[in-house]
Amino acid sequence: MEIYIAENAFLGMILASVETFHRECMGLLVGIKKETGGFLLQHAIPFQTATRRNVEVYPSYRVQKRLQKALANFSHMELIGDFHSHPSWGDLKYDTVPSKCDLEHMSAGNIYTIISIYGAKKKQQWKYNKDGTISGSVNGYFLKVGAWYLDEADGKHRMASIRCPFALDLKV
């Protein structure tokens, strides 16, 4: 499965991850489910009122439902999943692999992006990786973005392949 990330969605996820660094961020993914089986991520809307910790984040259920109802007013867009970060903590560097809790909250028909982030002294141009992720640096941080979905056919969690031309053009 291929996921196309538009500029607005990419910026929303990356900036939310940098803003809350050392604590997780989380937000909603808004866009279009393609008839061919992929997703077009158009917007990433961070939860501003989420309870954040180093290795977990909890959005308010009421706020989440309020946002979902508000999104229903925009007929050309739909809620297609969520995103959250896995920030480094001490010597631990987390990857874009979903945790057990992440896997339990996935449902078929949605996409879930995970952003791994840690401090980095070396600048790295954004690039596509062989595993379907995309990675690079922004302002002293190294970030890697992975996308996951629950395969409806067999109920297994799978990594999607990300495409984001905007990221490849970033000057680092």
Foldseek 3Di string as FASTA:
>chain_A
DEEEEEPQAVCQQVVQCVVVALKKWKFWFKFDQDPVGYTYGDHTGTQPPWDIHNADIGHDPVVVVVVQVVVVVPVRMHTAGMEMENEADVPRWDDFDDDPVRLVPADARHKYKYKTKYFDPDWFQWDFDPQQWIWTDDPRMTIIMWMWHQDPVPRDIDTHHYDYVVSNPDDD
